[in-house]
């Protein structure tokens, strides 16, 4: 678990350094996730690799990571209360956009796989 956490934190550190050096307008942890994705794609570690096992463990307890965000929403309820309509509209529009993109990608993939199965 410690080696896996060190690997994940190393990717985050690399992301932070890349952002500091290049001045990218992207948060360092996001760049670190891209670095992690590139490494995982390149190496293809097995299920017994420490980084993979640590990631699985974190995903099993993902709901705990939402507790601080929920506490922040409750603590700022008075500030958020004035913007309920805008927040609700943003949620509905983003949900619909996500649904439309997912449907479009599903249709595209279905057409591509059907075309490949039909051709020799």
C-alpha atoms as a PDB file:
ATOM      1  CA  UNK A   1       0.000   0.000   0.000  1.00  0.00           C
ATOM      2  CA  UNK A   2       2.848   2.390   0.826  1.00  0.00           C
ATOM      3  CA  UNK A   3       4.586   1.753  -2.506  1.00  0.00           C
ATOM      4  CA  UNK A   4       1.310   2.337  -4.336  1.00  0.00           C
ATOM      5  CA  UNK A   5       0.699   5.611  -2.504  1.00  0.00           C
ATOM      6  CA  UNK A   6       4.261   6.682  -3.258  1.00  0.00           C
ATOM      7  CA  UNK A   7       3.669   5.944  -6.936  1.00  0.00           C
ATOM      8  CA  UNK A   8       0.438   7.952  -6.987  1.00  0.00           C
ATOM      9  CA  UNK A   9       2.038  10.846  -5.098  1.00  0.00           C
ATOM     10  CA  UNK A  10       5.049  10.738  -7.432  1.00  0.00           C
ATOM     11  CA  UNK A  11       2.719  11.198 -10.397  1.00  0.00           C
ATOM     12  CA  UNK A  12       1.076  14.132  -8.635  1.00  0.00           C
ATOM     13  CA  UNK A  13       4.489  15.643  -7.890  1.00  0.00           C
ATOM     14  CA  UNK A  14       5.519  15.263 -11.535  1.00  0.00           C
ATOM     15  CA  UNK A  15       2.287  17.011 -12.513  1.00  0.00           C
ATOM     16  CA  UNK A  16       2.940  19.872 -10.093  1.00  0.00           C
ATOM     17  CA  UNK A  17       6.497  20.275 -11.372  1.00  0.00           C
ATOM     18  CA  UNK A  18       5.362  20.249 -15.006  1.00  0.00           C
ATOM     19  CA  UNK A  19       2.774  22.940 -14.269  1.00  0.00           C
ATOM     20  CA  UNK A  20       5.320  25.053 -12.382  1.00  0.00           C
ATOM     21  CA  UNK A  21       7.937  24.741 -15.125  1.00  0.00           C
ATOM     22  CA  UNK A  22       5.672  25.181 -18.140  1.00  0.00           C
ATOM     23  CA  UNK A  23       3.097  27.550 -16.657  1.00  0.00           C
ATOM     24  CA  UNK A  24       0.181  25.439 -17.876  1.00  0.00           C
ATOM     25  CA  UNK A  25      -3.217  26.802 -16.783  1.00  0.00           C
ATOM     26  CA  UNK A  26      -4.178  23.337 -15.478  1.00  0.00           C
ATOM     27  CA  UNK A  27      -4.009  22.096 -11.870  1.00  0.00           C
ATOM     28  CA  UNK A  28      -0.964  19.976 -11.104  1.00  0.00           C
ATOM     29  CA  UNK A  29      -2.965  16.956  -9.905  1.00  0.00           C
ATOM     30  CA  UNK A  30      -4.811  16.869 -13.243  1.00  0.00           C
ATOM     31  CA  UNK A  31      -1.510  16.783 -15.126  1.00  0.00           C
ATOM     32  CA  UNK A  32      -0.366  14.123 -12.655  1.00  0.00           C
ATOM     33  CA  UNK A  33      -3.405  12.016 -13.537  1.00  0.00           C
ATOM     34  CA  UNK A  34      -2.520  12.317 -17.224  1.00  0.00           C
ATOM     35  CA  UNK A  35       1.040  11.223 -16.385  1.00  0.00           C
ATOM     36  CA  UNK A  36      -0.372   8.271 -14.413  1.00  0.00           C
ATOM     37  CA  UNK A  37      -2.659   7.342 -17.307  1.00  0.00           C
ATOM     38  CA  UNK A  38       0.257   7.482 -19.751  1.00  0.00           C
ATOM     39  CA  UNK A  39       2.388   5.321 -17.457  1.00  0.00           C
ATOM     40  CA  UNK A  40      -0.398   2.776 -16.936  1.00  0.00           C
ATOM     41  CA  UNK A  41      -1.029   2.630 -20.692  1.00  0.00           C
ATOM     42  CA  UNK A  42       2.660   2.219 -21.449  1.00  0.00           C
ATOM     43  CA  UNK A  43       3.521  -0.334 -18.730  1.00  0.00           C
ATOM     44  CA  UNK A  44       0.189  -2.193 -18.432  1.00  0.00           C
ATOM     45  CA  UNK A  45       0.864  -3.389 -14.861  1.00  0.00           C
ATOM     46  CA  UNK A  46      -0.977  -6.451 -13.615  1.00  0.00           C
ATOM     47  CA  UNK A  47      -3.635  -6.536 -10.919  1.00  0.00           C
ATOM     48  CA  UNK A  48      -0.995  -7.340  -8.303  1.00  0.00           C
ATOM     49  CA  UNK A  49       1.029  -4.157  -8.929  1.00  0.00           C
ATOM     50  CA  UNK A  50       1.131  -1.861  -5.850  1.00  0.00           C
ATOM     51  CA  UNK A  51      -0.268   1.164  -7.707  1.00  0.00           C
ATOM     52  CA  UNK A  52      -3.177  -0.878  -9.083  1.00  0.00           C
ATOM     53  CA  UNK A  53      -3.921  -2.418  -5.671  1.00  0.00           C
ATOM     54  CA  UNK A  54      -3.805   1.010  -4.007  1.00  0.00           C
ATOM     55  CA  UNK A  55      -6.092   2.469  -6.670  1.00  0.00           C
ATOM     56  CA  UNK A  56      -8.559  -0.368  -6.141  1.00  0.00           C
ATOM     57  CA  UNK A  57      -8.483   0.250  -2.398  1.00  0.00           C
ATOM     58  CA  UNK A  58      -9.118   3.966  -2.855  1.00  0.00           C
ATOM     59  CA  UNK A  59     -11.986   3.283  -5.252  1.00  0.00           C
ATOM     60  CA  UNK A  60     -13.595   0.922  -2.744  1.00  0.00           C
ATOM     61  CA  UNK A  61     -13.738   3.782  -0.239  1.00  0.00           C
ATOM     62  CA  UNK A  62     -14.449   6.588  -2.705  1.00  0.00           C
ATOM     63  CA  UNK A  63     -17.555   7.725  -0.819  1.00  0.00           C
ATOM     64  CA  UNK A  64     -15.333   8.887   2.058  1.00  0.00           C
ATOM     65  CA  UNK A  65     -13.635  11.365  -0.262  1.00  0.00           C
ATOM     66  CA  UNK A  66     -16.969  13.127  -0.817  1.00  0.00           C
ATOM     67  CA  UNK A  67     -17.481  13.872   2.901  1.00  0.00           C
ATOM     68  CA  UNK A  68     -15.378  17.092   2.921  1.00  0.00           C
ATOM     69  CA  UNK A  69     -17.259  18.421  -0.119  1.00  0.00           C
ATOM     70  CA  UNK A  70     -20.598  17.658   1.544  1.00  0.00           C
ATOM     71  CA  UNK A  71     -19.507  19.388   4.740  1.00  0.00           C
ATOM     72  CA  UNK A  72     -18.463  22.427   2.709  1.00  0.00           C
ATOM     73  CA  UNK A  73     -21.860  22.592   1.015  1.00  0.00           C
ATOM     74  CA  UNK A  74     -23.640  22.423   4.370  1.00  0.00           C
ATOM     75  CA  UNK A  75     -21.305  25.023   5.888  1.00  0.00           C
ATOM     76  CA  UNK A  76     -21.923  27.418   2.989  1.00  0.00           C
ATOM     77  CA  UNK A  77     -25.675  26.762   2.712  1.00  0.00           C
ATOM     78  CA  UNK A  78     -26.514  30.444   3.239  1.00  0.00           C
ATOM     79  CA  UNK A  79     -24.254  31.525   0.377  1.00  0.00           C
ATOM     80  CA  UNK A  80     -25.455  28.734  -1.902  1.00  0.00           C
ATOM     81  CA  UNK A  81     -29.114  29.402  -1.073  1.00  0.00           C
ATOM     82  CA  UNK A  82     -29.221  32.500  -3.269  1.00  0.00           C
ATOM     83  CA  UNK A  83     -27.979  30.589  -6.290  1.00  0.00           C
ATOM     84  CA  UNK A  84     -30.174  27.492  -6.146  1.00  0.00           C
ATOM     85  CA  UNK A  85     -31.834  28.184  -9.510  1.00  0.00           C
ATOM     86  CA  UNK A  86     -28.516  28.711 -11.292  1.00  0.00           C
ATOM     87  CA  UNK A  87     -27.002  25.616  -9.693  1.00  0.00           C
ATOM     88  CA  UNK A  88     -30.044  23.501 -10.597  1.00  0.00           C
ATOM     89  CA  UNK A  89     -29.980  24.776 -14.183  1.00  0.00           C
ATOM     90  CA  UNK A  90     -26.273  24.013 -14.467  1.00  0.00           C
ATOM     91  CA  UNK A  91     -26.800  20.512 -13.129  1.00  0.00           C
ATOM     92  CA  UNK A  92     -29.655  19.783 -15.527  1.00  0.00           C
ATOM     93  CA  UNK A  93     -27.850  21.187 -18.575  1.00  0.00           C
ATOM     94  CA  UNK A  94     -24.607  19.357 -17.778  1.00  0.00           C
ATOM     95  CA  UNK A  95     -26.517  16.119 -17.129  1.00  0.00           C
ATOM     96  CA  UNK A  96     -28.284  16.426 -20.486  1.00  0.00           C
ATOM     97  CA  UNK A  97     -25.030  17.248 -22.286  1.00  0.00           C
ATOM     98  CA  UNK A  98     -23.351  14.213 -20.723  1.00  0.00           C
ATOM     99  CA  UNK A  99     -26.286  12.024 -21.691  1.00  0.00           C
ATOM    100  CA  UNK A 100     -26.213  13.302 -25.279  1.00  0.00           C
ATOM    101  CA  UNK A 101     -22.450  12.782 -25.630  1.00  0.00           C
ATOM    102  CA  UNK A 102     -22.664   9.285 -24.131  1.00  0.00           C
ATOM    103  CA  UNK A 103     -25.494   8.373 -26.491  1.00  0.00           C
ATOM    104  CA  UNK A 104     -23.621   9.759 -29.479  1.00  0.00           C
ATOM    105  CA  UNK A 105     -20.465   7.830 -28.613  1.00  0.00           C
ATOM    106  CA  UNK A 106     -22.498   4.636 -28.087  1.00  0.00           C
ATOM    107  CA  UNK A 107     -24.160   5.013 -31.498  1.00  0.00           C
ATOM    108  CA  UNK A 108     -20.804   5.730 -33.160  1.00  0.00           C
ATOM    109  CA  UNK A 109     -19.166   2.701 -31.550  1.00  0.00           C
ATOM    110  CA  UNK A 110     -22.124   0.508 -32.461  1.00  0.00           C
ATOM    111  CA  UNK A 111     -21.834   1.589 -36.102  1.00  0.00           C
ATOM    112  CA  UNK A 112     -18.080   1.008 -36.122  1.00  0.00           C
ATOM    113  CA  UNK A 113     -18.308  -2.460 -34.592  1.00  0.00           C
ATOM    114  CA  UNK A 114     -21.181  -3.430 -36.888  1.00  0.00           C
ATOM    115  CA  UNK A 115     -19.223  -2.237 -39.937  1.00  0.00           C
ATOM    116  CA  UNK A 116     -16.151  -4.247 -38.873  1.00  0.00           C
ATOM    117  CA  UNK A 117     -18.156  -7.417 -38.295  1.00  0.00           C
ATOM    118  CA  UNK A 118     -19.763  -7.103 -41.740  1.00  0.00           C
ATOM    119  CA  UNK A 119     -16.493  -6.568 -43.640  1.00  0.00           C
ATOM    120  CA  UNK A 120     -14.011  -9.430 -44.278  1.00  0.00           C
END
